[in-house]
C-alpha atoms as a PDB file:
ATOM      1  CA  MET A   1      -5.941  44.550  19.019  1.00  0.00           C
ATOM      2  CA  GLY A   2      -9.285  45.956  18.636  1.00  0.00           C
ATOM      3  CA  ASP A   3     -11.051  47.829  16.102  1.00  0.00           C
ATOM      4  CA  LEU A   4      -8.958  50.863  16.050  1.00  0.00           C
ATOM      5  CA  ALA A   5      -5.533  49.031  15.475  1.00  0.00           C
ATOM      6  CA  ALA A   6      -4.397  49.026  11.971  1.00  0.00           C
ATOM      7  CA  ALA A   7      -4.055  45.444  10.500  1.00  0.00           C
ATOM      8  CA  SER A   8      -0.404  44.444  10.895  1.00  0.00           C
ATOM      9  CA  LYS A   9       1.184  41.008  10.393  1.00  0.00           C
ATOM     10  CA  THR A  10       3.843  41.600  13.155  1.00  0.00           C
ATOM     11  CA  LEU A  11       1.147  42.419  15.551  1.00  0.00           C
ATOM     12  CA  ASP A  12      -0.692  39.322  14.460  1.00  0.00           C
ATOM     13  CA  ASP A  13       2.166  37.041  14.746  1.00  0.00           C
ATOM     14  CA  ASP A  14       3.079  38.576  18.273  1.00  0.00           C
ATOM     15  CA  GLU A  15      -0.548  37.885  19.589  1.00  0.00           C
ATOM     16  CA  ALA A  16      -0.562  34.450  18.256  1.00  0.00           C
ATOM     17  CA  HIS A  17       3.043  33.792  19.901  1.00  0.00           C
ATOM     18  CA  PHE A  18       1.593  35.125  23.215  1.00  0.00           C
ATOM     19  CA  GLY A  19      -1.411  33.274  22.938  1.00  0.00           C
ATOM     20  CA  ALA A  20      -4.082  36.036  22.407  1.00  0.00           C
ATOM     21  CA  PRO A  21      -7.431  34.963  21.209  1.00  0.00           C
ATOM     22  CA  MET A  22      -7.582  34.896  17.514  1.00  0.00           C
ATOM     23  CA  ALA A  23      -9.904  36.883  15.676  1.00  0.00           C
ATOM     24  CA  GLN A  24     -13.139  35.156  14.327  1.00  0.00           C
ATOM     25  CA  GLU A  25     -12.841  34.782  10.491  1.00  0.00           C
ATOM     26  CA  ALA A  26     -16.009  35.540   8.830  1.00  0.00           C
ATOM     27  CA  PRO A  27     -17.357  32.200   7.094  1.00  0.00           C
ATOM     28  CA  ASN A  28     -16.166  31.330   3.903  1.00  0.00           C
ATOM     29  CA  LYS A  29     -19.182  31.997   1.220  1.00  0.00           C
ATOM     30  CA  ASP A  30     -17.917  29.381  -1.004  1.00  0.00           C
ATOM     31  CA  ASP A  31     -19.023  26.961   1.860  1.00  0.00           C
ATOM     32  CA  THR A  32     -22.676  27.870   1.511  1.00  0.00           C
ATOM     33  CA  LEU A  33     -24.958  24.961   0.176  1.00  0.00           C
ATOM     34  CA  PHE A  34     -27.957  26.106  -1.895  1.00  0.00           C
ATOM     35  CA  VAL A  35     -30.783  23.630  -2.072  1.00  0.00           C
ATOM     36  CA  LEU A  36     -33.767  23.437  -4.189  1.00  0.00           C
ATOM     37  CA  PRO A  37     -36.971  23.960  -2.282  1.00  0.00           C
ATOM     38  CA  SER A  38     -38.192  20.523  -3.450  1.00  0.00           C
ATOM     39  CA  ASN A  39     -35.289  18.857  -1.880  1.00  0.00           C
ATOM     40  CA  HIS A  40     -35.177  21.058   1.431  1.00  0.00           C
ATOM     41  CA  THR A  41     -36.997  18.257   3.610  1.00  0.00           C
ATOM     42  CA  ALA A  42     -34.693  15.283   2.424  1.00  0.00           C
ATOM     43  CA  VAL A  43     -31.503  17.514   3.043  1.00  0.00           C
ATOM     44  CA  LEU A  44     -32.842  18.674   6.348  1.00  0.00           C
ATOM     45  CA  ALA A  45     -33.635  15.078   7.442  1.00  0.00           C
ATOM     46  CA  LEU A  46     -30.074  13.863   6.434  1.00  0.00           C
ATOM     47  CA  THR A  47     -28.388  16.632   8.329  1.00  0.00           C
ATOM     48  CA  THR A  48     -30.558  16.081  11.331  1.00  0.00           C
ATOM     49  CA  ALA A  49     -29.863  12.300  11.538  1.00  0.00           C
ATOM     50  CA  SER A  50     -26.066  12.848  10.519  1.00  0.00           C
ATOM     51  CA  SER A  51     -25.099  11.182  13.523  1.00  0.00           C
ATOM     52  CA  GLN A  52     -27.245   8.247  13.117  1.00  0.00           C
ATOM     53  CA  TRP A  53     -25.109   6.339  10.498  1.00  0.00           C
ATOM     54  CA  GLN A  54     -24.288   2.577  10.913  1.00  0.00           C
ATOM     55  CA  ARG A  55     -20.671   1.804  10.664  1.00  0.00           C
ATOM     56  CA  ASP A  56     -18.618  -1.254   9.809  1.00  0.00           C
ATOM     57  CA  ASN A  57     -15.690  -2.428  11.960  1.00  0.00           C
ATOM     58  CA  ASP A  58     -13.198   0.036  10.522  1.00  0.00           C
ATOM     59  CA  GLY A  59     -15.574   2.871  11.435  1.00  0.00           C
ATOM     60  CA  VAL A  60     -16.731   3.566   7.877  1.00  0.00           C
ATOM     61  CA  GLU A  61     -20.255   4.571   7.368  1.00  0.00           C
ATOM     62  CA  ILE A  62     -22.425   1.830   5.501  1.00  0.00           C
ATOM     63  CA  ALA A  63     -25.846   2.943   5.699  1.00  0.00           C
ATOM     64  CA  LEU A  64     -28.204   5.333   7.793  1.00  0.00           C
ATOM     65  CA  ASP A  65     -29.792   3.594  10.702  1.00  0.00           C
ATOM     66  CA  TYR A  66     -33.605   4.511  10.025  1.00  0.00           C
ATOM     67  CA  ALA A  67     -34.860   3.429  13.335  1.00  0.00           C
ATOM     68  CA  ARG A  68     -32.633   5.919  15.178  1.00  0.00           C
ATOM     69  CA  ALA A  69     -32.810   8.392  12.525  1.00  0.00           C
ATOM     70  CA  ASP A  70     -36.597   8.397  12.896  1.00  0.00           C
ATOM     71  CA  ILE A  71     -36.228   9.213  16.595  1.00  0.00           C
ATOM     72  CA  ALA A  72     -34.132  12.312  15.509  1.00  0.00           C
ATOM     73  CA  TRP A  73     -36.682  13.358  13.053  1.00  0.00           C
ATOM     74  CA  ARG A  74     -39.504  13.113  15.558  1.00  0.00           C
ATOM     75  CA  TYR A  75     -37.811  15.142  18.087  1.00  0.00           C
ATOM     76  CA  ALA A  76     -37.003  17.749  15.337  1.00  0.00           C
ATOM     77  CA  ASN A  77     -40.502  17.585  14.071  1.00  0.00           C
ATOM     78  CA  ILE A  78     -39.582  16.626  10.542  1.00  0.00           C
ATOM     79  CA  THR A  79     -42.219  14.830   8.709  1.00  0.00           C
ATOM     80  CA  ILE A  80     -41.031  12.683   5.762  1.00  0.00           C
ATOM     81  CA  ASN A  81     -43.288  11.741   2.908  1.00  0.00           C
ATOM     82  CA  PRO A  82     -42.548   8.843   0.467  1.00  0.00           C
ATOM     83  CA  ASP A  83     -41.106  11.219  -1.960  1.00  0.00           C
ATOM     84  CA  ASP A  84     -38.895  12.904   0.409  1.00  0.00           C
ATOM     85  CA  PHE A  85     -37.798   9.364   1.723  1.00  0.00           C
ATOM     86  CA  ALA A  86     -36.774   8.495  -1.931  1.00  0.00           C
ATOM     87  CA  LYS A  87     -34.623  11.726  -2.233  1.00  0.00           C
ATOM     88  CA  LEU A  88     -33.041  10.972   1.214  1.00  0.00           C
ATOM     89  CA  GLN A  89     -31.970   7.621   0.079  1.00  0.00           C
ATOM     90  CA  THR A  90     -30.503   8.982  -3.134  1.00  0.00           C
ATOM     91  CA  LEU A  91     -28.413  11.291  -1.048  1.00  0.00           C
ATOM     92  CA  GLU A  92     -27.508   8.353   1.284  1.00  0.00           C
ATOM     93  CA  ARG A  93     -26.269   6.219  -1.816  1.00  0.00           C
ATOM     94  CA  THR A  94     -24.488   9.230  -3.182  1.00  0.00           C
ATOM     95  CA  ILE A  95     -22.673   9.741   0.260  1.00  0.00           C
ATOM     96  CA  ILE A  96     -22.029   6.035   0.496  1.00  0.00           C
ATOM     97  CA  GLY A  97     -20.610   5.844  -3.049  1.00  0.00           C
ATOM     98  CA  LEU A  98     -18.185   8.771  -2.474  1.00  0.00           C
ATOM     99  CA  ILE A  99     -16.996   7.270   0.930  1.00  0.00           C
ATOM    100  CA  ARG A 100     -16.135   3.916  -0.876  1.00  0.00           C
ATOM    101  CA  ARG A 101     -14.208   5.372  -3.788  1.00  0.00           C
ATOM    102  CA  PRO A 102     -11.907   7.914  -2.134  1.00  0.00           C
ATOM    103  CA  ASP A 103      -9.329   7.164  -4.929  1.00  0.00           C
ATOM    104  CA  GLU A 104     -11.637   8.474  -7.511  1.00  0.00           C
ATOM    105  CA  GLN A 105     -12.523  11.658  -5.916  1.00  0.00           C
ATOM    106  CA  GLN A 106     -11.040  14.912  -7.657  1.00  0.00           C
ATOM    107  CA  LEU A 107      -9.223  16.623  -4.722  1.00  0.00           C
ATOM    108  CA  GLU A 108      -9.132  19.833  -6.802  1.00  0.00           C
ATOM    109  CA  PHE A 109     -11.257  21.503  -9.654  1.00  0.00           C
ATOM    110  CA  GLY A 110      -9.803  22.635 -12.916  1.00  0.00           C
ATOM    111  CA  VAL A 111      -6.873  21.378 -15.081  1.00  0.00           C
ATOM    112  CA  THR A 112      -3.890  19.824 -13.317  1.00  0.00           C
ATOM    113  CA  LEU A 113      -0.750  19.953 -15.071  1.00  0.00           C
ATOM    114  CA  LYS A 114       2.205  17.394 -14.577  1.00  0.00           C
ATOM    115  CA  LEU A 115       5.662  18.456 -15.229  1.00  0.00           C
END
């Protein structure tokens, strides 16, 4: 409705019903990932090569394809030393472990009560 209009659920519902463009929501600050400076290169390398996973027949990621990832790293001008590579492999193993154990992932934090 513009910056001068008061917030109104009725107006929001009407705009949504008639296909008006939805207002952009501010990014959720809880989605921010803080990385220690010593781990920055490994995290940057992993996110840069995030589309270079080898997958099994079911489409599940099984490993990072280092040959293809290296191309992405070269284009992004990322140099990985042996220490960063070890950290990258730790991140990779952690991700693979989480993917392979979906039944063990905690879906919500805190105490869950069953009645």
